[in-house]
Amino acid sequence: MKELDRDGTIICDMTVRVNGVLHNPAQAIITIKDPVGLPVVDEEEMVREGTGKYYYDYNPAPNAKRGCYQVKCVAIEGLRSTPIEGVFYLK
């Protein structure tokens, strides 16, 4: 698990492939939940960096809770969605 400082930008990224080929879904969204499960980012659009490459810059508040944050990035295409989940620790 990555341990990160509260005073920096946390870059969350996602790569989307279909059959091994980079692909741009109709939508790429992110949700970040704090250590008690409350969303600090709630289904925000991610930024497209290039074909199939997306990111979101999260800047924690100075008083952000310390602990384990849950990250969920979702690629949405029509009625299908593919979640990618991860965690980071804010120290």
PDB file of N, CA and C in Angstrom:
ATOM      1  N   MET A   1       0.834  -1.166   0.000  1.00  0.00           N
ATOM      2  CA  MET A   1       0.000   0.000   0.000  1.00  0.00           C
ATOM      3  C   MET A   1       0.889   1.243   0.000  1.00  0.00           C
ATOM      4  N   LYS A   2       0.533   2.191  -0.827  1.00  0.00           N
ATOM      5  CA  LYS A   2       1.297   3.427  -0.895  1.00  0.00           C
ATOM      6  C   LYS A   2       0.967   4.315   0.294  1.00  0.00           C
ATOM      7  N   GLU A   3       2.003   4.832   0.965  1.00  0.00           N
ATOM      8  CA  GLU A   3       1.827   5.799   2.049  1.00  0.00           C
ATOM      9  C   GLU A   3       2.147   7.174   1.493  1.00  0.00           C
ATOM     10  N   LEU A   4       1.174   8.084   1.586  1.00  0.00           N
ATOM     11  CA  LEU A   4       1.302   9.394   0.963  1.00  0.00           C
ATOM     12  C   LEU A   4       1.067  10.505   1.980  1.00  0.00           C
ATOM     13  N   ASP A   5       1.696  11.658   1.738  1.00  0.00           N
ATOM     14  CA  ASP A   5       1.543  12.820   2.607  1.00  0.00           C
ATOM     15  C   ASP A   5       0.280  13.595   2.257  1.00  0.00           C
ATOM     16  N   ARG A   6      -0.291  14.247   3.264  1.00  0.00           N
ATOM     17  CA  ARG A   6      -1.501  15.034   3.040  1.00  0.00           C
ATOM     18  C   ARG A   6      -1.228  16.326   2.284  1.00  0.00           C
ATOM     19  N   ASP A   7       0.013  16.760   2.237  1.00  0.00           N
ATOM     20  CA  ASP A   7       0.299  18.052   1.614  1.00  0.00           C
ATOM     21  C   ASP A   7       0.688  17.957   0.146  1.00  0.00           C
ATOM     22  N   GLY A   8       0.484  16.817  -0.484  1.00  0.00           N
ATOM     23  CA  GLY A   8       0.827  16.669  -1.898  1.00  0.00           C
ATOM     24  C   GLY A   8      -0.368  16.263  -2.732  1.00  0.00           C
ATOM     25  N   THR A   9      -0.188  16.286  -4.043  1.00  0.00           N
ATOM     26  CA  THR A   9      -1.222  15.830  -4.970  1.00  0.00           C
ATOM     27  C   THR A   9      -1.087  14.328  -5.154  1.00  0.00           C
ATOM     28  N   ILE A  10      -2.190  13.629  -5.075  1.00  0.00           N
ATOM     29  CA  ILE A  10      -2.211  12.182  -5.277  1.00  0.00           C
ATOM     30  C   ILE A  10      -2.786  11.927  -6.664  1.00  0.00           C
ATOM     31  N   ILE A  11      -2.002  11.304  -7.524  1.00  0.00           N
ATOM     32  CA  ILE A  11      -2.431  11.048  -8.895  1.00  0.00           C
ATOM     33  C   ILE A  11      -2.965   9.623  -8.987  1.00  0.00           C
ATOM     34  N   CYS A  12      -4.238   9.503  -9.298  1.00  0.00           N
ATOM     35  CA  CYS A  12      -4.880   8.199  -9.491  1.00  0.00           C
ATOM     36  C   CYS A  12      -5.010   7.996 -11.001  1.00  0.00           C
ATOM     37  N   ASP A  13      -4.550   6.848 -11.489  1.00  0.00           N
ATOM     38  CA  ASP A  13      -4.624   6.638 -12.939  1.00  0.00           C
ATOM     39  C   ASP A  13      -5.226   5.284 -13.286  1.00  0.00           C
ATOM     40  N   MET A  14      -5.660   5.173 -14.540  1.00  0.00           N
ATOM     41  CA  MET A  14      -6.301   3.966 -15.027  1.00  0.00           C
ATOM     42  C   MET A  14      -5.976   3.827 -16.516  1.00  0.00           C
ATOM     43  N   THR A  15      -5.707   2.587 -16.926  1.00  0.00           N
ATOM     44  CA  THR A  15      -5.505   2.267 -18.336  1.00  0.00           C
ATOM     45  C   THR A  15      -6.616   1.320 -18.758  1.00  0.00           C
ATOM     46  N   VAL A  16      -7.255   1.631 -19.880  1.00  0.00           N
ATOM     47  CA  VAL A  16      -8.379   0.837 -20.369  1.00  0.00           C
ATOM     48  C   VAL A  16      -7.980   0.155 -21.679  1.00  0.00           C
ATOM     49  N   ARG A  17      -8.163  -1.165 -21.711  1.00  0.00           N
ATOM     50  CA  ARG A  17      -7.870  -1.950 -22.918  1.00  0.00           C
ATOM     51  C   ARG A  17      -9.060  -2.845 -23.244  1.00  0.00           C
ATOM     52  N   VAL A  18      -9.296  -3.039 -24.521  1.00  0.00           N
ATOM     53  CA  VAL A  18     -10.271  -4.005 -25.001  1.00  0.00           C
ATOM     54  C   VAL A  18      -9.527  -4.956 -25.922  1.00  0.00           C
ATOM     55  N   ASN A  19      -9.523  -6.229 -25.549  1.00  0.00           N
ATOM     56  CA  ASN A  19      -8.769  -7.248 -26.303  1.00  0.00           C
ATOM     57  C   ASN A  19      -7.308  -6.856 -26.480  1.00  0.00           C
ATOM     58  N   GLY A  20      -6.733  -6.252 -25.441  1.00  0.00           N
ATOM     59  CA  GLY A  20      -5.326  -5.898 -25.447  1.00  0.00           C
ATOM     60  C   GLY A  20      -4.991  -4.582 -26.130  1.00  0.00           C
ATOM     61  N   VAL A  21      -6.006  -3.895 -26.669  1.00  0.00           N
ATOM     62  CA  VAL A  21      -5.782  -2.642 -27.398  1.00  0.00           C
ATOM     63  C   VAL A  21      -6.317  -1.475 -26.563  1.00  0.00           C
ATOM     64  N   LEU A  22      -5.518  -0.419 -26.437  1.00  0.00           N
ATOM     65  CA  LEU A  22      -5.972   0.755 -25.695  1.00  0.00           C
ATOM     66  C   LEU A  22      -7.287   1.261 -26.269  1.00  0.00           C
ATOM     67  N   HIS A  23      -8.210   1.627 -25.371  1.00  0.00           N
ATOM     68  CA  HIS A  23      -9.566   1.986 -25.792  1.00  0.00           C
ATOM     69  C   HIS A  23     -10.098   3.134 -24.946  1.00  0.00           C
ATOM     70  N   ASN A  24     -10.832   4.050 -25.570  1.00  0.00           N
ATOM     71  CA  ASN A  24     -11.491   5.127 -24.845  1.00  0.00           C
ATOM     72  C   ASN A  24     -12.939   4.738 -24.574  1.00  0.00           C
ATOM     73  N   PRO A  25     -13.292   4.505 -23.308  1.00  0.00           N
ATOM     74  CA  PRO A  25     -14.688   4.210 -22.994  1.00  0.00           C
ATOM     75  C   PRO A  25     -15.529   5.480 -23.115  1.00  0.00           C
ATOM     76  N   ALA A  26     -16.847   5.311 -23.081  1.00  0.00           N
ATOM     77  CA  ALA A  26     -17.739   6.466 -23.135  1.00  0.00           C
ATOM     78  C   ALA A  26     -17.533   7.367 -21.922  1.00  0.00           C
ATOM     79  N   GLN A  27     -17.200   6.755 -20.790  1.00  0.00           N
ATOM     80  CA  GLN A  27     -17.024   7.505 -19.556  1.00  0.00           C
ATOM     81  C   GLN A  27     -15.983   6.830 -18.678  1.00  0.00           C
ATOM     82  N   ALA A  28     -15.211   7.637 -17.958  1.00  0.00           N
ATOM     83  CA  ALA A  28     -14.251   7.134 -16.972  1.00  0.00           C
ATOM     84  C   ALA A  28     -14.447   7.974 -15.716  1.00  0.00           C
ATOM     85  N   ILE A  29     -14.877   7.322 -14.618  1.00  0.00           N
ATOM     86  CA  ILE A  29     -15.184   8.058 -13.393  1.00  0.00           C
ATOM     87  C   ILE A  29     -14.402   7.488 -12.209  1.00  0.00           C
ATOM     88  N   ILE A  30     -14.288   8.308 -11.169  1.00  0.00           N
ATOM     89  CA  ILE A  30     -13.552   7.898  -9.979  1.00  0.00           C
ATOM     90  C   ILE A  30     -14.329   8.265  -8.714  1.00  0.00           C
ATOM     91  N   THR A  31     -14.234   7.390  -7.716  1.00  0.00           N
ATOM     92  CA  THR A  31     -14.754   7.652  -6.378  1.00  0.00           C
ATOM     93  C   THR A  31     -13.629   7.343  -5.392  1.00  0.00           C
ATOM     94  N   ILE A  32     -13.423   8.232  -4.434  1.00  0.00           N
ATOM     95  CA  ILE A  32     -12.435   8.023  -3.375  1.00  0.00           C
ATOM     96  C   ILE A  32     -13.165   8.153  -2.049  1.00  0.00           C
ATOM     97  N   LYS A  33     -13.009   7.134  -1.190  1.00  0.00           N
ATOM     98  CA  LYS A  33     -13.654   7.153   0.129  1.00  0.00           C
ATOM     99  C   LYS A  33     -12.596   7.232   1.219  1.00  0.00           C
ATOM    100  N   ASP A  34     -12.885   8.043   2.237  1.00  0.00           N
ATOM    101  CA  ASP A  34     -11.945   8.225   3.345  1.00  0.00           C
ATOM    102  C   ASP A  34     -11.967   7.008   4.277  1.00  0.00           C
ATOM    103  N   PRO A  35     -11.147   7.010   5.329  1.00  0.00           N
ATOM    104  CA  PRO A  35     -11.039   5.837   6.206  1.00  0.00           C
ATOM    105  C   PRO A  35     -12.346   5.385   6.876  1.00  0.00           C
ATOM    106  N   VAL A  36     -13.337   6.279   6.992  1.00  0.00           N
ATOM    107  CA  VAL A  36     -14.612   5.865   7.589  1.00  0.00           C
ATOM    108  C   VAL A  36     -15.670   5.560   6.525  1.00  0.00           C
ATOM    109  N   GLY A  37     -15.261   5.577   5.250  1.00  0.00           N
ATOM    110  CA  GLY A  37     -16.163   5.191   4.166  1.00  0.00           C
ATOM    111  C   GLY A  37     -16.958   6.317   3.536  1.00  0.00           C
ATOM    112  N   LEU A  38     -16.661   7.560   3.911  1.00  0.00           N
ATOM    113  CA  LEU A  38     -17.366   8.698   3.319  1.00  0.00           C
ATOM    114  C   LEU A  38     -16.668   9.151   2.040  1.00  0.00           C
ATOM    115  N   PRO A  39     -17.421   9.441   0.979  1.00  0.00           N
ATOM    116  CA  PRO A  39     -16.777   9.873  -0.266  1.00  0.00           C
ATOM    117  C   PRO A  39     -16.181  11.273  -0.152  1.00  0.00           C
ATOM    118  N   VAL A  40     -14.929  11.393  -0.544  1.00  0.00           N
ATOM    119  CA  VAL A  40     -14.282  12.702  -0.651  1.00  0.00           C
ATOM    120  C   VAL A  40     -14.232  13.124  -2.114  1.00  0.00           C
ATOM    121  N   VAL A  41     -14.364  12.157  -3.006  1.00  0.00           N
ATOM    122  CA  VAL A  41     -14.548  12.357  -4.447  1.00  0.00           C
ATOM    123  C   VAL A  41     -15.657  11.377  -4.816  1.00  0.00           C
ATOM    124  N   ASP A  42     -16.731  11.877  -5.431  1.00  0.00           N
ATOM    125  CA  ASP A  42     -17.892  11.023  -5.676  1.00  0.00           C
ATOM    126  C   ASP A  42     -18.267  11.014  -7.161  1.00  0.00           C
ATOM    127  N   GLU A  43     -17.853   9.975  -7.852  1.00  0.00           N
ATOM    128  CA  GLU A  43     -18.155   9.766  -9.272  1.00  0.00           C
ATOM    129  C   GLU A  43     -17.801  10.971 -10.134  1.00  0.00           C
ATOM    130  N   GLU A  44     -16.580  11.451  -9.964  1.00  0.00           N
ATOM    131  CA  GLU A  44     -16.074  12.556 -10.771  1.00  0.00           C
ATOM    132  C   GLU A  44     -15.489  12.015 -12.075  1.00  0.00           C
ATOM    133  N   GLU A  45     -15.570  12.800 -13.129  1.00  0.00           N
ATOM    134  CA  GLU A  45     -14.959  12.428 -14.404  1.00  0.00           C
ATOM    135  C   GLU A  45     -13.445  12.452 -14.277  1.00  0.00           C
ATOM    136  N   MET A  46     -12.801  11.460 -14.866  1.00  0.00           N
ATOM    137  CA  MET A  46     -11.343  11.438 -14.919  1.00  0.00           C
ATOM    138  C   MET A  46     -10.899  12.189 -16.182  1.00  0.00           C
ATOM    139  N   VAL A  47      -9.654  12.632 -16.202  1.00  0.00           N
ATOM    140  CA  VAL A  47      -9.100  13.360 -17.338  1.00  0.00           C
ATOM    141  C   VAL A  47      -8.467  12.363 -18.305  1.00  0.00           C
ATOM    142  N   ARG A  48      -8.786  12.500 -19.594  1.00  0.00           N
ATOM    143  CA  ARG A  48      -8.170  11.624 -20.590  1.00  0.00           C
ATOM    144  C   ARG A  48      -6.809  12.199 -20.964  1.00  0.00           C
ATOM    145  N   GLU A  49      -5.785  11.384 -20.799  1.00  0.00           N
ATOM    146  CA  GLU A  49      -4.412  11.786 -21.082  1.00  0.00           C
ATOM    147  C   GLU A  49      -4.000  11.362 -22.493  1.00  0.00           C
ATOM    148  N   GLY A  50      -4.634  10.334 -22.992  1.00  0.00           N
ATOM    149  CA  GLY A  50      -4.358   9.788 -24.315  1.00  0.00           C
ATOM    150  C   GLY A  50      -5.271   8.594 -24.500  1.00  0.00           C
ATOM    151  N   THR A  51      -5.178   7.943 -25.614  1.00  0.00           N
ATOM    152  CA  THR A  51      -6.047   6.798 -25.871  1.00  0.00           C
ATOM    153  C   THR A  51      -5.926   5.768 -24.753  1.00  0.00           C
ATOM    154  N   GLY A  52      -7.044   5.513 -24.073  1.00  0.00           N
ATOM    155  CA  GLY A  52      -7.091   4.508 -23.018  1.00  0.00           C
ATOM    156  C   GLY A  52      -6.399   4.878 -21.719  1.00  0.00           C
ATOM    157  N   LYS A  53      -5.897   6.098 -21.598  1.00  0.00           N
ATOM    158  CA  LYS A  53      -5.167   6.514 -20.395  1.00  0.00           C
ATOM    159  C   LYS A  53      -5.895   7.674 -19.718  1.00  0.00           C
ATOM    160  N   TYR A  54      -6.216   7.472 -18.436  1.00  0.00           N
ATOM    161  CA  TYR A  54      -6.992   8.445 -17.669  1.00  0.00           C
ATOM    162  C   TYR A  54      -6.333   8.686 -16.322  1.00  0.00           C
ATOM    163  N   TYR A  55      -6.547   9.908 -15.772  1.00  0.00           N
ATOM    164  CA  TYR A  55      -6.017  10.201 -14.445  1.00  0.00           C
ATOM    165  C   TYR A  55      -6.938  11.183 -13.725  1.00  0.00           C
ATOM    166  N   TYR A  56      -6.740  11.263 -12.416  1.00  0.00           N
ATOM    167  CA  TYR A  56      -7.452  12.234 -11.586  1.00  0.00           C
ATOM    168  C   TYR A  56      -6.476  12.699 -10.513  1.00  0.00           C
ATOM    169  N   ASP A  57      -6.331  14.010 -10.361  1.00  0.00           N
ATOM    170  CA  ASP A  57      -5.474  14.578  -9.323  1.00  0.00           C
ATOM    171  C   ASP A  57      -6.308  14.860  -8.081  1.00  0.00           C
ATOM    172  N   TYR A  58      -5.969  14.174  -6.989  1.00  0.00           N
ATOM    173  CA  TYR A  58      -6.672  14.378  -5.720  1.00  0.00           C
ATOM    174  C   TYR A  58      -5.765  15.170  -4.789  1.00  0.00           C
ATOM    175  N   ASN A  59      -6.281  16.302  -4.321  1.00  0.00           N
ATOM    176  CA  ASN A  59      -5.552  17.155  -3.381  1.00  0.00           C
ATOM    177  C   ASN A  59      -6.274  17.113  -2.041  1.00  0.00           C
ATOM    178  N   PRO A  60      -5.744  16.329  -1.091  1.00  0.00           N
ATOM    179  CA  PRO A  60      -6.406  16.217   0.217  1.00  0.00           C
ATOM    180  C   PRO A  60      -6.451  17.564   0.934  1.00  0.00           C
ATOM    181  N   ALA A  61      -7.521  17.768   1.683  1.00  0.00           N
ATOM    182  CA  ALA A  61      -7.624  18.968   2.517  1.00  0.00           C
ATOM    183  C   ALA A  61      -6.564  18.892   3.612  1.00  0.00           C
ATOM    184  N   PRO A  62      -6.111  20.034   4.118  1.00  0.00           N
ATOM    185  CA  PRO A  62      -5.101  20.018   5.182  1.00  0.00           C
ATOM    186  C   PRO A  62      -5.535  19.223   6.416  1.00  0.00           C
ATOM    187  N   ASN A  63      -6.841  19.132   6.646  1.00  0.00           N
ATOM    188  CA  ASN A  63      -7.350  18.398   7.810  1.00  0.00           C
ATOM    189  C   ASN A  63      -7.908  17.022   7.411  1.00  0.00           C
ATOM    190  N   ALA A  64      -7.504  16.502   6.257  1.00  0.00           N
ATOM    191  CA  ALA A  64      -7.985  15.191   5.797  1.00  0.00           C
ATOM    192  C   ALA A  64      -7.644  14.114   6.826  1.00  0.00           C
ATOM    193  N   LYS A  65      -8.547  13.167   6.980  1.00  0.00           N
ATOM    194  CA  LYS A  65      -8.335  12.080   7.940  1.00  0.00           C
ATOM    195  C   LYS A  65      -7.119  11.252   7.539  1.00  0.00           C
ATOM    196  N   ARG A  66      -6.343  10.840   8.524  1.00  0.00           N
ATOM    197  CA  ARG A  66      -5.233   9.923   8.279  1.00  0.00           C
ATOM    198  C   ARG A  66      -5.800   8.516   8.214  1.00  0.00           C
ATOM    199  N   GLY A  67      -5.206   7.673   7.383  1.00  0.00           N
ATOM    200  CA  GLY A  67      -5.650   6.294   7.294  1.00  0.00           C
ATOM    201  C   GLY A  67      -5.780   5.803   5.861  1.00  0.00           C
ATOM    202  N   CYS A  68      -6.484   4.688   5.706  1.00  0.00           N
ATOM    203  CA  CYS A  68      -6.600   3.987   4.430  1.00  0.00           C
ATOM    204  C   CYS A  68      -7.782   4.520   3.615  1.00  0.00           C
ATOM    205  N   TYR A  69      -7.501   4.956   2.411  1.00  0.00           N
ATOM    206  CA  TYR A  69      -8.511   5.461   1.489  1.00  0.00           C
ATOM    207  C   TYR A  69      -8.765   4.421   0.397  1.00  0.00           C
ATOM    208  N   GLN A  70     -10.027   4.251   0.032  1.00  0.00           N
ATOM    209  CA  GLN A  70     -10.429   3.318  -1.024  1.00  0.00           C
ATOM    210  C   GLN A  70     -10.635   4.112  -2.311  1.00  0.00           C
ATOM    211  N   VAL A  71     -10.066   3.608  -3.407  1.00  0.00           N
ATOM    212  CA  VAL A  71     -10.204   4.255  -4.711  1.00  0.00           C
ATOM    213  C   VAL A  71     -10.893   3.277  -5.659  1.00  0.00           C
ATOM    214  N   LYS A  72     -11.880   3.796  -6.393  1.00  0.00           N
ATOM    215  CA  LYS A  72     -12.565   2.968  -7.387  1.00  0.00           C
ATOM    216  C   LYS A  72     -12.688   3.777  -8.676  1.00  0.00           C
ATOM    217  N   CYS A  73     -11.996   3.319  -9.717  1.00  0.00           N
ATOM    218  CA  CYS A  73     -12.092   3.909 -11.048  1.00  0.00           C
ATOM    219  C   CYS A  73     -12.971   2.987 -11.885  1.00  0.00           C
ATOM    220  N   VAL A  74     -13.868   3.569 -12.669  1.00  0.00           N
ATOM    221  CA  VAL A  74     -14.785   2.761 -13.459  1.00  0.00           C
ATOM    222  C   VAL A  74     -14.794   3.238 -14.902  1.00  0.00           C
ATOM    223  N   ALA A  75     -14.572   2.295 -15.826  1.00  0.00           N
ATOM    224  CA  ALA A  75     -14.712   2.553 -17.253  1.00  0.00           C
ATOM    225  C   ALA A  75     -16.118   2.115 -17.642  1.00  0.00           C
ATOM    226  N   ILE A  76     -16.880   3.012 -18.264  1.00  0.00           N
ATOM    227  CA  ILE A  76     -18.270   2.725 -18.616  1.00  0.00           C
ATOM    228  C   ILE A  76     -18.429   2.792 -20.128  1.00  0.00           C
ATOM    229  N   GLU A  77     -19.029   1.748 -20.677  1.00  0.00           N
ATOM    230  CA  GLU A  77     -19.283   1.658 -22.118  1.00  0.00           C
ATOM    231  C   GLU A  77     -20.669   1.057 -22.296  1.00  0.00           C
ATOM    232  N   GLY A  78     -21.640   1.885 -22.663  1.00  0.00           N
ATOM    233  CA  GLY A  78     -23.008   1.392 -22.815  1.00  0.00           C
ATOM    234  C   GLY A  78     -23.532   0.878 -21.488  1.00  0.00           C
ATOM    235  N   LEU A  79     -24.015  -0.356 -21.476  1.00  0.00           N
ATOM    236  CA  LEU A  79     -24.540  -0.964 -20.254  1.00  0.00           C
ATOM    237  C   LEU A  79     -23.473  -1.708 -19.462  1.00  0.00           C
ATOM    238  N   ARG A  80     -22.231  -1.712 -19.967  1.00  0.00           N
ATOM    239  CA  ARG A  80     -21.145  -2.422 -19.275  1.00  0.00           C
ATOM    240  C   ARG A  80     -20.267  -1.440 -18.513  1.00  0.00           C
ATOM    241  N   SER A  81     -19.795  -1.890 -17.353  1.00  0.00           N
ATOM    242  CA  SER A  81     -18.838  -1.090 -16.586  1.00  0.00           C
ATOM    243  C   SER A  81     -17.778  -2.016 -16.017  1.00  0.00           C
ATOM    244  N   THR A  82     -16.562  -1.515 -15.975  1.00  0.00           N
ATOM    245  CA  THR A  82     -15.444  -2.291 -15.456  1.00  0.00           C
ATOM    246  C   THR A  82     -14.765  -1.491 -14.357  1.00  0.00           C
ATOM    247  N   PRO A  83     -14.882  -1.939 -13.099  1.00  0.00           N
ATOM    248  CA  PRO A  83     -14.239  -1.223 -12.002  1.00  0.00           C
ATOM    249  C   PRO A  83     -12.794  -1.676 -11.787  1.00  0.00           C
ATOM    250  N   ILE A  84     -11.972  -0.732 -11.394  1.00  0.00           N
ATOM    251  CA  ILE A  84     -10.597  -1.017 -10.980  1.00  0.00           C
ATOM    252  C   ILE A  84     -10.462  -0.390  -9.597  1.00  0.00           C
ATOM    253  N   GLU A  85     -10.097  -1.204  -8.607  1.00  0.00           N
ATOM    254  CA  GLU A  85     -10.050  -0.712  -7.238  1.00  0.00           C
ATOM    255  C   GLU A  85      -8.639  -0.733  -6.675  1.00  0.00           C
ATOM    256  N   GLY A  86      -8.395   0.194  -5.769  1.00  0.00           N
ATOM    257  CA  GLY A  86      -7.098   0.265  -5.113  1.00  0.00           C
ATOM    258  C   GLY A  86      -7.209   0.999  -3.789  1.00  0.00           C
ATOM    259  N   VAL A  87      -6.099   1.136  -3.105  1.00  0.00           N
ATOM    260  CA  VAL A  87      -6.063   1.820  -1.817  1.00  0.00           C
ATOM    261  C   VAL A  87      -4.778   2.645  -1.708  1.00  0.00           C
ATOM    262  N   PHE A  88      -4.817   3.639  -0.858  1.00  0.00           N
ATOM    263  CA  PHE A  88      -3.601   4.348  -0.457  1.00  0.00           C
ATOM    264  C   PHE A  88      -3.777   4.765   0.989  1.00  0.00           C
ATOM    265  N   TYR A  89      -2.679   5.009   1.667  1.00  0.00           N
ATOM    266  CA  TYR A  89      -2.679   5.375   3.076  1.00  0.00           C
ATOM    267  C   TYR A  89      -2.219   6.826   3.188  1.00  0.00           C
ATOM    268  N   LEU A  90      -3.038   7.665   3.810  1.00  0.00           N
ATOM    269  CA  LEU A  90      -2.688   9.053   4.019  1.00  0.00           C
ATOM    270  C   LEU A  90      -2.075   9.186   5.399  1.00  0.00           C
ATOM    271  N   LYS A  91      -0.819   9.659   5.444  1.00  0.00           N
ATOM    272  CA  LYS A  91      -0.138   9.780   6.741  1.00  0.00           C
ATOM    273  C   LYS A  91      -0.039  11.216   7.211  1.00  0.00           C
TER     274      LYS A  91
END
